[in-house]
C-alpha atoms as a PDB file:
ATOM      1  CA  MET A   1     -12.580  11.008 -57.636  1.00  0.00           C
ATOM      2  CA  ASN A   2     -10.091   9.187 -59.865  1.00  0.00           C
ATOM      3  CA  LYS A   3      -7.896   6.303 -58.698  1.00  0.00           C
ATOM      4  CA  LYS A   4      -4.762   8.457 -58.371  1.00  0.00           C
ATOM      5  CA  ALA A   5      -6.388  11.117 -56.198  1.00  0.00           C
ATOM      6  CA  PHE A   6      -7.999   8.364 -54.139  1.00  0.00           C
ATOM      7  CA  GLY A   7      -4.595   6.718 -53.650  1.00  0.00           C
ATOM      8  CA  LEU A   8      -3.012  10.040 -52.711  1.00  0.00           C
ATOM      9  CA  LEU A   9      -5.782  10.598 -50.211  1.00  0.00           C
ATOM     10  CA  THR A  10      -5.463   7.141 -48.659  1.00  0.00           C
ATOM     11  CA  ALA A  11      -1.673   7.538 -48.293  1.00  0.00           C
ATOM     12  CA  LEU A  12      -2.152  10.914 -46.704  1.00  0.00           C
ATOM     13  CA  ILE A  13      -4.579   9.564 -44.247  1.00  0.00           C
ATOM     14  CA  GLY A  14      -2.197   6.747 -43.420  1.00  0.00           C
ATOM     15  CA  ILE A  15       0.678   9.095 -42.870  1.00  0.00           C
ATOM     16  CA  VAL A  16      -1.437  11.355 -40.576  1.00  0.00           C
ATOM     17  CA  THR A  17      -2.560   8.218 -38.667  1.00  0.00           C
ATOM     18  CA  ILE A  18       1.031   7.122 -38.081  1.00  0.00           C
ATOM     19  CA  ILE A  19       2.020  10.584 -36.980  1.00  0.00           C
ATOM     20  CA  PHE A  20      -0.860  10.733 -34.400  1.00  0.00           C
ATOM     21  CA  VAL A  21      -0.119   7.286 -33.156  1.00  0.00           C
ATOM     22  CA  GLY A  22       3.420   8.267 -32.767  1.00  0.00           C
ATOM     23  CA  LEU A  23       2.519  11.441 -30.889  1.00  0.00           C
ATOM     24  CA  GLY A  24       0.331   9.291 -28.636  1.00  0.00           C
ATOM     25  CA  PHE A  25       3.182   7.128 -27.617  1.00  0.00           C
ATOM     26  CA  VAL A  26       5.324  10.091 -27.034  1.00  0.00           C
ATOM     27  CA  TYR A  27       2.567  11.850 -24.947  1.00  0.00           C
ATOM     28  CA  GLU A  28       2.025   8.757 -22.878  1.00  0.00           C
ATOM     29  CA  LYS A  29       5.649   8.420 -22.068  1.00  0.00           C
ATOM     30  CA  SER A  30       6.013  12.084 -21.126  1.00  0.00           C
ATOM     31  CA  GLU A  31       2.964  11.711 -18.819  1.00  0.00           C
ATOM     32  CA  ASN A  32       4.784   8.791 -17.036  1.00  0.00           C
ATOM     33  CA  GLU A  33       7.954  10.823 -16.935  1.00  0.00           C
ATOM     34  CA  LYS A  34       6.248  13.651 -15.235  1.00  0.00           C
ATOM     35  CA  GLN A  35       5.886  11.546 -12.063  1.00  0.00           C
ATOM     36  CA  ASN A  36       8.321  12.923  -9.514  1.00  0.00           C
ATOM     37  CA  GLY A  37       8.748  13.005  -5.758  1.00  0.00           C
ATOM     38  CA  LEU A  38       7.842  10.950  -2.706  1.00  0.00           C
ATOM     39  CA  THR A  39       5.080   8.291  -2.894  1.00  0.00           C
ATOM     40  CA  ALA A  40       2.859   6.869  -0.164  1.00  0.00           C
ATOM     41  CA  ILE A  41       5.217   3.863   0.316  1.00  0.00           C
ATOM     42  CA  PHE A  42       7.793   3.854   3.063  1.00  0.00           C
ATOM     43  CA  ASP A  43       9.037   1.719   6.026  1.00  0.00           C
ATOM     44  CA  VAL A  44      11.276   2.202   9.078  1.00  0.00           C
ATOM     45  CA  SER A  45      13.853  -0.439  10.153  1.00  0.00           C
ATOM     46  CA  ALA A  46      14.692  -1.676  13.692  1.00  0.00           C
ATOM     47  CA  THR A  47      17.928   0.358  13.285  1.00  0.00           C
ATOM     48  CA  GLY A  48      16.265   3.559  12.443  1.00  0.00           C
ATOM     49  CA  VAL A  49      16.857   3.460   8.638  1.00  0.00           C
ATOM     50  CA  ILE A  50      13.972   5.059   6.729  1.00  0.00           C
ATOM     51  CA  ALA A  51      13.260   3.531   3.253  1.00  0.00           C
ATOM     52  CA  THR A  52      11.043   5.388   0.824  1.00  0.00           C
ATOM     53  CA  VAL A  53       9.798   4.900  -2.715  1.00  0.00           C
ATOM     54  CA  ARG A  54      10.018   7.998  -4.960  1.00  0.00           C
ATOM     55  CA  PHE A  55       9.664   8.784  -8.577  1.00  0.00           C
ATOM     56  CA  GLU A  56      12.396  10.464 -10.626  1.00  0.00           C
ATOM     57  CA  LYS A  57      11.238  11.387 -14.061  1.00  0.00           C
ATOM     58  CA  GLY A  58       8.748   8.498 -13.979  1.00  0.00           C
ATOM     59  CA  LYS A  59      11.208   5.918 -12.664  1.00  0.00           C
ATOM     60  CA  ALA A  60      10.312   4.314  -9.361  1.00  0.00           C
ATOM     61  CA  GLY A  61      13.222   3.842  -7.039  1.00  0.00           C
ATOM     62  CA  ILE A  62      13.971   2.886  -3.426  1.00  0.00           C
ATOM     63  CA  TYR A  63      15.938   5.454  -1.323  1.00  0.00           C
ATOM     64  CA  LEU A  64      17.420   5.070   2.138  1.00  0.00           C
ATOM     65  CA  ASN A  65      17.155   7.997   4.570  1.00  0.00           C
ATOM     66  CA  THR A  66      17.599  10.784   1.915  1.00  0.00           C
ATOM     67  CA  LYS A  67      17.040  11.288  -1.777  1.00  0.00           C
ATOM     68  CA  ASP A  68      20.353  12.960  -2.085  1.00  0.00           C
ATOM     69  CA  ASP A  69      22.222   9.702  -1.951  1.00  0.00           C
ATOM     70  CA  GLY A  70      20.290   8.429  -5.015  1.00  0.00           C
ATOM     71  CA  PRO A  71      18.256   5.200  -5.412  1.00  0.00           C
ATOM     72  CA  ILE A  72      19.512   1.759  -4.340  1.00  0.00           C
ATOM     73  CA  VAL A  73      17.314   0.281  -6.898  1.00  0.00           C
ATOM     74  CA  GLN A  74      15.380   1.946  -9.726  1.00  0.00           C
ATOM     75  CA  PHE A  75      13.024   0.623 -12.474  1.00  0.00           C
ATOM     76  CA  PRO A  76      11.911   1.738 -15.927  1.00  0.00           C
ATOM     77  CA  VAL A  77       8.847   4.069 -16.235  1.00  0.00           C
ATOM     78  CA  GLU A  78       6.684   1.010 -17.231  1.00  0.00           C
ATOM     79  CA  GLN A  79       7.065  -0.473 -13.738  1.00  0.00           C
ATOM     80  CA  LYS A  80       5.989   0.385 -10.249  1.00  0.00           C
ATOM     81  CA  ILE A  81       6.921  -0.663  -6.758  1.00  0.00           C
ATOM     82  CA  LEU A  82       3.825  -1.665  -4.853  1.00  0.00           C
ATOM     83  CA  ASP A  83       5.204  -2.186  -1.328  1.00  0.00           C
ATOM     84  CA  ILE A  84       8.412  -2.468   0.785  1.00  0.00           C
ATOM     85  CA  SER A  85       9.107  -4.207   4.065  1.00  0.00           C
ATOM     86  CA  PHE A  86      12.051  -4.356   6.416  1.00  0.00           C
ATOM     87  CA  SER A  87      12.977  -7.641   8.057  1.00  0.00           C
ATOM     88  CA  ASN A  88      12.769  -7.665  11.867  1.00  0.00           C
ATOM     89  CA  ASP A  89      16.550  -7.137  12.171  1.00  0.00           C
ATOM     90  CA  GLY A  90      16.700  -4.348   9.576  1.00  0.00           C
ATOM     91  CA  LYS A  91      19.213  -6.193   7.451  1.00  0.00           C
ATOM     92  CA  ARG A  92      16.940  -7.049   4.491  1.00  0.00           C
ATOM     93  CA  LEU A  93      14.208  -5.205   2.649  1.00  0.00           C
ATOM     94  CA  ALA A  94      11.576  -6.998   0.692  1.00  0.00           C
ATOM     95  CA  TYR A  95       9.801  -5.174  -2.115  1.00  0.00           C
ATOM     96  CA  VAL A  96       7.312  -6.093  -4.828  1.00  0.00           C
ATOM     97  CA  VAL A  97       7.443  -4.817  -8.444  1.00  0.00           C
ATOM     98  CA  SER A  98       4.768  -5.090 -11.096  1.00  0.00           C
ATOM     99  CA  GLU A  99       3.682  -3.341 -14.350  1.00  0.00           C
ATOM    100  CA  LYS A 100       2.523   0.261 -13.908  1.00  0.00           C
ATOM    101  CA  GLU A 101      -0.566  -0.526 -15.949  1.00  0.00           C
ATOM    102  CA  SER A 102      -2.148  -3.411 -13.983  1.00  0.00           C
ATOM    103  CA  SER A 103      -4.324  -6.079 -15.679  1.00  0.00           C
ATOM    104  CA  SER A 104      -5.592  -9.556 -14.988  1.00  0.00           C
ATOM    105  CA  ASP A 105      -2.330 -10.902 -16.395  1.00  0.00           C
ATOM    106  CA  SER A 106      -0.040  -8.806 -14.177  1.00  0.00           C
ATOM    107  CA  ILE A 107       2.986 -10.474 -12.715  1.00  0.00           C
ATOM    108  CA  SER A 108       4.282  -9.526  -9.227  1.00  0.00           C
ATOM    109  CA  ASP A 109       8.036  -9.986  -8.616  1.00  0.00           C
ATOM    110  CA  VAL A 110       9.124 -10.124  -5.012  1.00  0.00           C
ATOM    111  CA  HIS A 111      12.734  -9.116  -4.466  1.00  0.00           C
ATOM    112  CA  LEU A 112      14.983  -9.224  -1.396  1.00  0.00           C
ATOM    113  CA  LEU A 113      17.540  -6.504  -1.019  1.00  0.00           C
ATOM    114  CA  ASP A 114      20.611  -6.856   1.441  1.00  0.00           C
ATOM    115  CA  ILE A 115      20.857  -3.511   3.169  1.00  0.00           C
ATOM    116  CA  ASP A 116      24.696  -3.694   3.754  1.00  0.00           C
ATOM    117  CA  THR A 117      25.929  -5.230   0.345  1.00  0.00           C
ATOM    118  CA  LYS A 118      23.039  -3.850  -1.771  1.00  0.00           C
ATOM    119  CA  ALA A 119      22.771  -7.327  -3.315  1.00  0.00           C
ATOM    120  CA  ASP A 120      19.342  -7.750  -4.894  1.00  0.00           C
ATOM    121  CA  ILE A 121      17.725 -11.125  -5.626  1.00  0.00           C
ATOM    122  CA  LEU A 122      14.355 -12.149  -7.120  1.00  0.00           C
ATOM    123  CA  ALA A 123      12.701 -14.270  -4.451  1.00  0.00           C
ATOM    124  CA  PHE A 124       9.575 -15.418  -6.352  1.00  0.00           C
ATOM    125  CA  SER A 125       6.990 -14.350  -8.843  1.00  0.00           C
ATOM    126  CA  VAL A 126       3.261 -14.798  -9.135  1.00  0.00           C
ATOM    127  CA  THR A 127       0.713 -14.010 -11.838  1.00  0.00           C
ATOM    128  CA  ALA A 128      -1.452 -11.950  -9.545  1.00  0.00           C
ATOM    129  CA  ILE A 129      -1.176  -8.583  -7.798  1.00  0.00           C
ATOM    130  CA  ILE A 130       0.648  -8.515  -4.490  1.00  0.00           C
ATOM    131  CA  THR A 131      -0.234  -5.243  -2.734  1.00  0.00           C
ATOM    132  CA  GLU A 132       1.567  -5.669   0.653  1.00  0.00           C
ATOM    133  CA  LEU A 133       4.392  -7.401   2.283  1.00  0.00           C
ATOM    134  CA  ALA A 134       5.322  -8.090   5.975  1.00  0.00           C
ATOM    135  CA  PHE A 135       8.085 -10.299   7.480  1.00  0.00           C
ATOM    136  CA  ASP A 136       7.167 -12.604  10.276  1.00  0.00           C
ATOM    137  CA  PRO A 137       8.845 -11.240  13.421  1.00  0.00           C
ATOM    138  CA  LYS A 138       9.139 -14.830  14.747  1.00  0.00           C
ATOM    139  CA  ASN A 139      10.731 -16.272  11.635  1.00  0.00           C
ATOM    140  CA  PRO A 140      13.219 -14.243   9.609  1.00  0.00           C
ATOM    141  CA  ASP A 141      12.711 -16.567   6.562  1.00  0.00           C
ATOM    142  CA  LYS A 142       9.008 -16.140   6.338  1.00  0.00           C
ATOM    143  CA  LEU A 143       7.381 -13.377   4.360  1.00  0.00           C
ATOM    144  CA  PHE A 144       3.664 -12.724   4.378  1.00  0.00           C
ATOM    145  CA  TYR A 145       1.814 -10.910   1.703  1.00  0.00           C
ATOM    146  CA  LEU A 146      -1.657  -9.853   0.432  1.00  0.00           C
ATOM    147  CA  GLN A 147      -2.561 -11.170  -2.970  1.00  0.00           C
ATOM    148  CA  ALA A 148      -5.446 -10.184  -5.160  1.00  0.00           C
ATOM    149  CA  ASP A 149      -6.421 -12.769  -7.777  1.00  0.00           C
ATOM    150  CA  VAL A 150      -8.885 -10.617  -9.680  1.00  0.00           C
ATOM    151  CA  PHE A 151      -8.361  -7.230 -11.321  1.00  0.00           C
ATOM    152  CA  THR A 152     -11.709  -5.873 -12.500  1.00  0.00           C
ATOM    153  CA  ASN A 153     -14.371  -3.250 -11.911  1.00  0.00           C
ATOM    154  CA  TYR A 154     -17.281  -4.473  -9.696  1.00  0.00           C
ATOM    155  CA  SER A 155     -19.645  -1.672 -10.945  1.00  0.00           C
ATOM    156  CA  PRO A 156     -19.934   0.358 -14.107  1.00  0.00           C
ATOM    157  CA  ILE A 157     -19.021   3.681 -12.299  1.00  0.00           C
ATOM    158  CA  THR A 158     -15.751   2.500 -10.917  1.00  0.00           C
ATOM    159  CA  GLY A 159     -12.378   1.815 -12.550  1.00  0.00           C
ATOM    160  CA  LYS A 160     -10.649  -1.471 -12.532  1.00  0.00           C
ATOM    161  CA  ARG A 161      -8.877  -2.390  -9.190  1.00  0.00           C
ATOM    162  CA  PRO A 162      -7.558  -5.530  -7.541  1.00  0.00           C
ATOM    163  CA  HIS A 163     -10.077  -7.633  -5.644  1.00  0.00           C
ATOM    164  CA  ASP A 164     -10.555 -11.087  -4.184  1.00  0.00           C
ATOM    165  CA  PHE A 165      -7.790 -10.616  -1.540  1.00  0.00           C
ATOM    166  CA  ASP A 166      -6.328 -13.379   0.681  1.00  0.00           C
ATOM    167  CA  VAL A 167      -3.410 -13.832   2.980  1.00  0.00           C
ATOM    168  CA  HIS A 168      -0.413 -15.796   1.707  1.00  0.00           C
ATOM    169  CA  SER A 169       3.234 -16.514   2.860  1.00  0.00           C
ATOM    170  CA  TYR A 170       6.346 -17.454   1.282  1.00  0.00           C
ATOM    171  CA  ASN A 171       9.102 -19.496   3.026  1.00  0.00           C
ATOM    172  CA  LEU A 172      12.472 -18.064   1.864  1.00  0.00           C
ATOM    173  CA  ASP A 173      14.334 -21.198   3.211  1.00  0.00           C
ATOM    174  CA  ASN A 174      12.523 -23.943   1.410  1.00  0.00           C
ATOM    175  CA  LYS A 175      10.907 -21.729  -1.293  1.00  0.00           C
ATOM    176  CA  THR A 176       7.340 -22.778  -0.629  1.00  0.00           C
ATOM    177  CA  GLN A 177       4.118 -20.711  -0.876  1.00  0.00           C
ATOM    178  CA  THR A 178       1.180 -21.087   1.393  1.00  0.00           C
ATOM    179  CA  ARG A 179      -2.327 -19.678   1.092  1.00  0.00           C
ATOM    180  CA  HIS A 180      -3.707 -19.061   4.673  1.00  0.00           C
ATOM    181  CA  THR A 181      -7.185 -17.761   4.037  1.00  0.00           C
ATOM    182  CA  ASP A 182      -9.964 -18.312   1.429  1.00  0.00           C
ATOM    183  CA  LEU A 183     -11.913 -15.160   2.030  1.00  0.00           C
ATOM    184  CA  LYS A 184     -11.809 -13.567  -1.478  1.00  0.00           C
ATOM    185  CA  LYS A 185     -12.394 -10.212   0.065  1.00  0.00           C
ATOM    186  CA  TYR A 186     -13.349  -7.173  -2.060  1.00  0.00           C
ATOM    187  CA  GLY A 187     -10.633  -5.239  -0.310  1.00  0.00           C
ATOM    188  CA  MET A 188      -7.955  -5.936   2.282  1.00  0.00           C
ATOM    189  CA  GLN A 189      -5.004  -3.866   3.466  1.00  0.00           C
ATOM    190  CA  SER A 190      -2.563  -2.852   6.252  1.00  0.00           C
ATOM    191  CA  LEU A 191      -1.101  -6.312   6.857  1.00  0.00           C
ATOM    192  CA  HIS A 192       0.675  -6.972  10.228  1.00  0.00           C
ATOM    193  CA  VAL A 193       2.037 -10.223  11.620  1.00  0.00           C
ATOM    194  CA  SER A 194       1.853 -11.021  15.259  1.00  0.00           C
ATOM    195  CA  ALA A 195       5.126 -11.201  17.206  1.00  0.00           C
ATOM    196  CA  THR A 196       3.639 -13.462  19.887  1.00  0.00           C
ATOM    197  CA  ASP A 197       1.480 -16.051  18.156  1.00  0.00           C
ATOM    198  CA  GLU A 198       0.457 -17.496  14.734  1.00  0.00           C
ATOM    199  CA  SER A 199      -1.910 -14.852  13.615  1.00  0.00           C
ATOM    200  CA  VAL A 200      -2.029 -11.806  11.295  1.00  0.00           C
ATOM    201  CA  PHE A 201      -3.929  -8.487  11.393  1.00  0.00           C
ATOM    202  CA  VAL A 202      -5.680  -6.911   8.446  1.00  0.00           C
ATOM    203  CA  GLN A 203      -8.186  -4.241   7.698  1.00  0.00           C
ATOM    204  CA  MET A 204     -11.277  -5.199   5.609  1.00  0.00           C
ATOM    205  CA  ASP A 205     -15.138  -4.849   5.468  1.00  0.00           C
ATOM    206  CA  ASP A 206     -17.154  -6.127   8.495  1.00  0.00           C
ATOM    207  CA  ASP A 207     -19.619  -7.724   6.025  1.00  0.00           C
ATOM    208  CA  GLU A 208     -19.792 -11.467   6.967  1.00  0.00           C
ATOM    209  CA  ASN A 209     -23.437 -11.324   8.051  1.00  0.00           C
ATOM    210  CA  VAL A 210     -24.580  -8.927   5.434  1.00  0.00           C
ATOM    211  CA  GLN A 211     -27.729 -10.053   3.722  1.00  0.00           C
ATOM    212  CA  SER A 212     -28.666  -7.117   1.481  1.00  0.00           C
ATOM    213  CA  ALA A 213     -27.281  -4.282  -0.572  1.00  0.00           C
ATOM    214  CA  ASP A 214     -28.493  -1.834   2.101  1.00  0.00           C
ATOM    215  CA  GLU A 215     -26.704  -3.719   4.831  1.00  0.00           C
ATOM    216  CA  LEU A 216     -23.549  -3.815   2.767  1.00  0.00           C
ATOM    217  CA  PHE A 217     -23.673  -0.102   2.280  1.00  0.00           C
ATOM    218  CA  ALA A 218     -24.063   0.369   6.118  1.00  0.00           C
ATOM    219  CA  SER A 219     -21.176  -1.977   7.029  1.00  0.00           C
ATOM    220  CA  TYR A 220     -17.831  -0.515   8.219  1.00  0.00           C
ATOM    221  CA  GLN A 221     -14.211  -1.338   7.618  1.00  0.00           C
ATOM    222  CA  ARG A 222     -12.649  -2.634  10.785  1.00  0.00           C
ATOM    223  CA  ILE A 223      -9.399  -4.385  11.960  1.00  0.00           C
ATOM    224  CA  PHE A 224      -9.434  -8.184  12.217  1.00  0.00           C
ATOM    225  CA  LYS A 225      -7.122 -10.649  13.934  1.00  0.00           C
ATOM    226  CA  ILE A 226      -6.948 -13.874  11.937  1.00  0.00           C
ATOM    227  CA  PRO A 227      -5.465 -17.058  13.581  1.00  0.00           C
ATOM    228  CA  LEU A 228      -3.636 -18.898  10.891  1.00  0.00           C
ATOM    229  CA  ASP A 229      -4.589 -22.274  12.048  1.00  0.00           C
ATOM    230  CA  MET A 230      -8.289 -21.311  12.288  1.00  0.00           C
ATOM    231  CA  PRO A 231      -8.795 -18.423   9.895  1.00  0.00           C
ATOM    232  CA  ASP A 232     -12.597 -18.784   9.995  1.00  0.00           C
ATOM    233  CA  GLU A 233     -12.503 -17.764  13.723  1.00  0.00           C
ATOM    234  CA  LYS A 234     -11.252 -14.226  12.921  1.00  0.00           C
ATOM    235  CA  GLU A 235     -12.187 -11.498  15.399  1.00  0.00           C
ATOM    236  CA  ILE A 236     -12.473  -7.735  15.419  1.00  0.00           C
ATOM    237  CA  ILE A 237      -9.978  -6.012  17.557  1.00  0.00           C
ATOM    238  CA  SER A 238     -10.992  -2.380  16.671  1.00  0.00           C
ATOM    239  CA  ASN A 239     -14.141  -0.850  18.107  1.00  0.00           C
ATOM    240  CA  PRO A 240     -16.729  -3.355  16.939  1.00  0.00           C
ATOM    241  CA  THR A 241     -19.583  -0.840  17.313  1.00  0.00           C
ATOM    242  CA  GLY A 242     -17.637   2.263  16.105  1.00  0.00           C
ATOM    243  CA  GLN A 243     -19.449   4.289  13.535  1.00  0.00           C
ATOM    244  CA  GLN A 244     -16.456   5.036  11.329  1.00  0.00           C
ATOM    245  CA  ASP A 245     -14.374   3.288   8.701  1.00  0.00           C
ATOM    246  CA  ILE A 246     -10.855   2.299   9.712  1.00  0.00           C
ATOM    247  CA  TYR A 247      -8.057   2.300   7.149  1.00  0.00           C
ATOM    248  CA  ASP A 248      -4.215   2.050   7.853  1.00  0.00           C
ATOM    249  CA  PHE A 249      -3.324   0.939  11.288  1.00  0.00           C
ATOM    250  CA  LEU A 250      -0.502  -0.150  13.760  1.00  0.00           C
ATOM    251  CA  VAL A 251      -0.905  -2.750  16.539  1.00  0.00           C
ATOM    252  CA  LEU A 252       0.770  -2.027  19.973  1.00  0.00           C
ATOM    253  CA  PRO A 253       0.030  -5.287  21.868  1.00  0.00           C
ATOM    254  CA  GLU A 254       2.064  -4.212  24.884  1.00  0.00           C
ATOM    255  CA  LEU A 255      -0.277  -1.277  25.263  1.00  0.00           C
ATOM    256  CA  ASP A 256      -3.450  -3.143  24.286  1.00  0.00           C
ATOM    257  CA  GLU A 257      -3.812  -0.470  21.550  1.00  0.00           C
ATOM    258  CA  ILE A 258      -4.121   0.126  17.962  1.00  0.00           C
ATOM    259  CA  ILE A 259      -3.260   3.422  16.120  1.00  0.00           C
ATOM    260  CA  TYR A 260      -5.382   3.873  13.053  1.00  0.00           C
ATOM    261  CA  GLN A 261      -6.452   6.202  10.343  1.00  0.00           C
ATOM    262  CA  ALA A 262     -10.014   7.487  10.060  1.00  0.00           C
ATOM    263  CA  VAL A 263     -11.940  10.533   8.863  1.00  0.00           C
ATOM    264  CA  GLY A 264     -11.523  13.286  11.496  1.00  0.00           C
ATOM    265  CA  GLY A 265     -13.433  16.098   9.839  1.00  0.00           C
ATOM    266  CA  THR A 266     -14.380  17.828   6.491  1.00  0.00           C
ATOM    267  CA  LYS A 267     -12.860  20.870   4.878  1.00  0.00           C
ATOM    268  CA  SER A 268     -15.038  23.697   3.640  1.00  0.00           C
ATOM    269  CA  ASN A 269     -14.866  22.293   0.167  1.00  0.00           C
ATOM    270  CA  GLY A 270     -16.153  18.937   1.175  1.00  0.00           C
ATOM    271  CA  THR A 271     -12.877  17.112   1.172  1.00  0.00           C
ATOM    272  CA  TYR A 272     -12.420  14.648   4.117  1.00  0.00           C
ATOM    273  CA  GLU A 273      -9.589  15.233   6.577  1.00  0.00           C
ATOM    274  CA  TYR A 274      -7.931  12.020   7.621  1.00  0.00           C
ATOM    275  CA  GLU A 275      -6.312  11.897  11.056  1.00  0.00           C
ATOM    276  CA  LEU A 276      -4.700   9.259  13.371  1.00  0.00           C
ATOM    277  CA  PHE A 277      -6.525   7.866  16.405  1.00  0.00           C
ATOM    278  CA  SER A 278      -5.755   5.333  19.067  1.00  0.00           C
ATOM    279  CA  PHE A 279      -8.119   2.678  20.471  1.00  0.00           C
ATOM    280  CA  ASN A 280      -7.495   0.613  23.652  1.00  0.00           C
ATOM    281  CA  TRP A 281      -9.346  -2.758  23.382  1.00  0.00           C
ATOM    282  CA  GLU A 282      -9.188  -3.309  27.174  1.00  0.00           C
ATOM    283  CA  THR A 283     -10.732   0.028  28.116  1.00  0.00           C
ATOM    284  CA  ASN A 284     -12.580   0.696  24.921  1.00  0.00           C
ATOM    285  CA  GLN A 285     -11.268   4.184  25.006  1.00  0.00           C
ATOM    286  CA  THR A 286     -10.564   6.162  21.773  1.00  0.00           C
ATOM    287  CA  LYS A 287      -8.334   9.233  21.472  1.00  0.00           C
ATOM    288  CA  GLN A 288      -7.527  11.532  18.549  1.00  0.00           C
ATOM    289  CA  LEU A 289      -3.876  11.788  18.123  1.00  0.00           C
ATOM    290  CA  THR A 290      -3.455  14.223  15.264  1.00  0.00           C
ATOM    291  CA  ARG A 291      -5.339  17.376  14.285  1.00  0.00           C
ATOM    292  CA  LEU A 292      -3.407  18.382  11.165  1.00  0.00           C
ATOM    293  CA  LYS A 293      -6.578  18.793   9.011  1.00  0.00           C
ATOM    294  CA  GLU A 294      -4.865  17.101   6.113  1.00  0.00           C
ATOM    295  CA  TYR A 295      -4.366  13.353   5.162  1.00  0.00           C
ATOM    296  CA  ALA A 296      -2.400  11.507   7.875  1.00  0.00           C
ATOM    297  CA  ALA A 297      -1.863   7.754   7.158  1.00  0.00           C
ATOM    298  CA  LYS A 298       0.273   4.736   7.513  1.00  0.00           C
ATOM    299  CA  PRO A 299       1.551   4.737  11.180  1.00  0.00           C
ATOM    300  CA  ILE A 300       4.728   2.851  11.709  1.00  0.00           C
ATOM    301  CA  LEU A 301       6.655   2.237  15.051  1.00  0.00           C
ATOM    302  CA  GLY A 302      10.266   3.171  15.019  1.00  0.00           C
ATOM    303  CA  SER A 303      13.071   1.776  17.126  1.00  0.00           C
ATOM    304  CA  ASN A 304      13.020   4.996  19.191  1.00  0.00           C
ATOM    305  CA  GLN A 305       9.459   4.427  20.258  1.00  0.00           C
ATOM    306  CA  LYS A 306       8.160   7.125  18.002  1.00  0.00           C
ATOM    307  CA  ILE A 307       5.391   6.713  15.552  1.00  0.00           C
ATOM    308  CA  TYR A 308       6.313   7.667  11.955  1.00  0.00           C
ATOM    309  CA  PHE A 309       3.471   8.537   9.561  1.00  0.00           C
ATOM    310  CA  LEU A 310       2.711   9.952   6.188  1.00  0.00           C
ATOM    311  CA  VAL A 311       0.972  13.275   5.388  1.00  0.00           C
ATOM    312  CA  ASP A 312      -0.405  14.275   2.008  1.00  0.00           C
ATOM    313  CA  LEU A 313      -0.560  18.065   2.043  1.00  0.00           C
ATOM    314  CA  ASN A 314      -2.337  18.177  -1.285  1.00  0.00           C
ATOM    315  CA  PHE A 315      -4.947  15.416  -0.630  1.00  0.00           C
ATOM    316  CA  ALA A 316      -7.671  15.235  -3.451  1.00  0.00           C
ATOM    317  CA  GLY A 317      -5.416  17.370  -5.683  1.00  0.00           C
ATOM    318  CA  ARG A 318      -4.094  16.360  -8.956  1.00  0.00           C
ATOM    319  CA  THR A 319      -0.575  15.704  -7.599  1.00  0.00           C
ATOM    320  CA  PRO A 320      -0.031  14.405  -4.059  1.00  0.00           C
ATOM    321  CA  ASP A 321       2.465  16.226  -1.874  1.00  0.00           C
ATOM    322  CA  TYR A 322       3.731  13.561   0.660  1.00  0.00           C
ATOM    323  CA  THR A 323       6.028  14.100   3.630  1.00  0.00           C
ATOM    324  CA  ILE A 324       6.903  12.106   6.718  1.00  0.00           C
ATOM    325  CA  TYR A 325       6.240  13.208  10.296  1.00  0.00           C
ATOM    326  CA  GLN A 326       6.959  11.531  13.584  1.00  0.00           C
ATOM    327  CA  MET A 327       5.199  11.832  17.110  1.00  0.00           C
ATOM    328  CA  ASP A 328       5.246  10.279  20.593  1.00  0.00           C
ATOM    329  CA  LEU A 329       2.977   7.342  21.265  1.00  0.00           C
ATOM    330  CA  ASP A 330       0.450   9.573  22.863  1.00  0.00           C
ATOM    331  CA  GLY A 331       0.365  11.990  19.890  1.00  0.00           C
ATOM    332  CA  GLU A 332       2.588  14.627  21.379  1.00  0.00           C
ATOM    333  CA  ASN A 333       5.577  16.331  19.768  1.00  0.00           C
ATOM    334  CA  ILE A 334       4.496  16.075  16.155  1.00  0.00           C
ATOM    335  CA  VAL A 335       7.410  17.118  13.812  1.00  0.00           C
ATOM    336  CA  GLU A 336       8.219  16.816  10.133  1.00  0.00           C
ATOM    337  CA  ILE A 337      11.332  14.744   9.629  1.00  0.00           C
ATOM    338  CA  LEU A 338      11.813  14.197   5.942  1.00  0.00           C
ATOM    339  CA  TRP A 339      11.175  16.257   2.900  1.00  0.00           C
END
C-alpha cells in the first residue's frame, strides 16, 4: 500500500471513529431522556402535601400533589435526586442532588426548599454520597442524613455501589456537621429520628458478632435503635430472632410497633413478592398488613393517621411502574391515591 492510499485509509478510519463516538454520545443521552414517570422517592408532610420525584424526558424533578402542576424544581439529565424529606411542620422540604453516574468523587448537594415561597437554597455539600435525609422532630434546624464514604464493588460479580455508611447531622442554624457513628456499615437505610429522645432508627445487617463467611451469609437485616450519645449501645427493635430480612420501615412508638417491608411470597416465575408487616415489640406479635403480591415499600405516616406506601406493579421488569397507596394503621381499606 502506497503512502497516499495509507493516508486515505487512516483518514477514513478517523472519520468513522468520530462518527461512532458521536453516535455513542447521542445514544447515551437518548437513553437518559427515556426515563419518565414516578420514582421510588416520595414523602408526605404534616399538612397532607405529597411530594414526589419523577422523571420527565430524563430530567428529575420534585412535584407537589400532582404532576399536572409541573415540577417545583427540576435538574438536567446528568443529575439525580437521591432523597427528599419534609420538616416536621411541613413548611420546608430538604432534598439531596448528585450526579446520575455515581463515583468515588461524587458530590452530594443538600438543598432546602420553602414550600410557600418556593425559594430554594443550597444548605451544604459533601464529597460523598448522601442517600437519605430526615429532619429532627425535636429541632427544626437539625437535619440527619446517611452518608456513604466508599463507592465500590465488594465482589467481582456485583456492580459498584455506595458502602461504608454512617449517621451524620447538619445544624442549619450554625452550619456545623456532626458524625454520630463510626460503623462503616456495608449497607444502611430507612433513617428515622426519634421524636422523644436523642436517638435514630436505621435498617442494617445484624452482623456484629459474625466470625465467618457462612455466619455472614446467615445473618439478617434488622431494625436498630442507636442512642446518639452512646452509639455502641445500639439495640434491635425488630424481632431479634425473626427468620426474614427487613427493609423499609416506619416506627410507631405510641403503638409500640413498627411497620416494615419484607418478602411475603414468591411468584410462579421465582420473583419475590414484597409486602408490609407490623411487629409489636411489647407483645412480639407479627401481622401481615398487605397481600398485594407485588412490591410494597416505604411506609410513611400521614397527618390523617393513614399509612402511605409505594407499590411497584412491574417489579423485576425493565421499567418500574410505581404508584402510591394508602391504608389504615391495621392494614384495612387499602386504596390507590396517586397515579
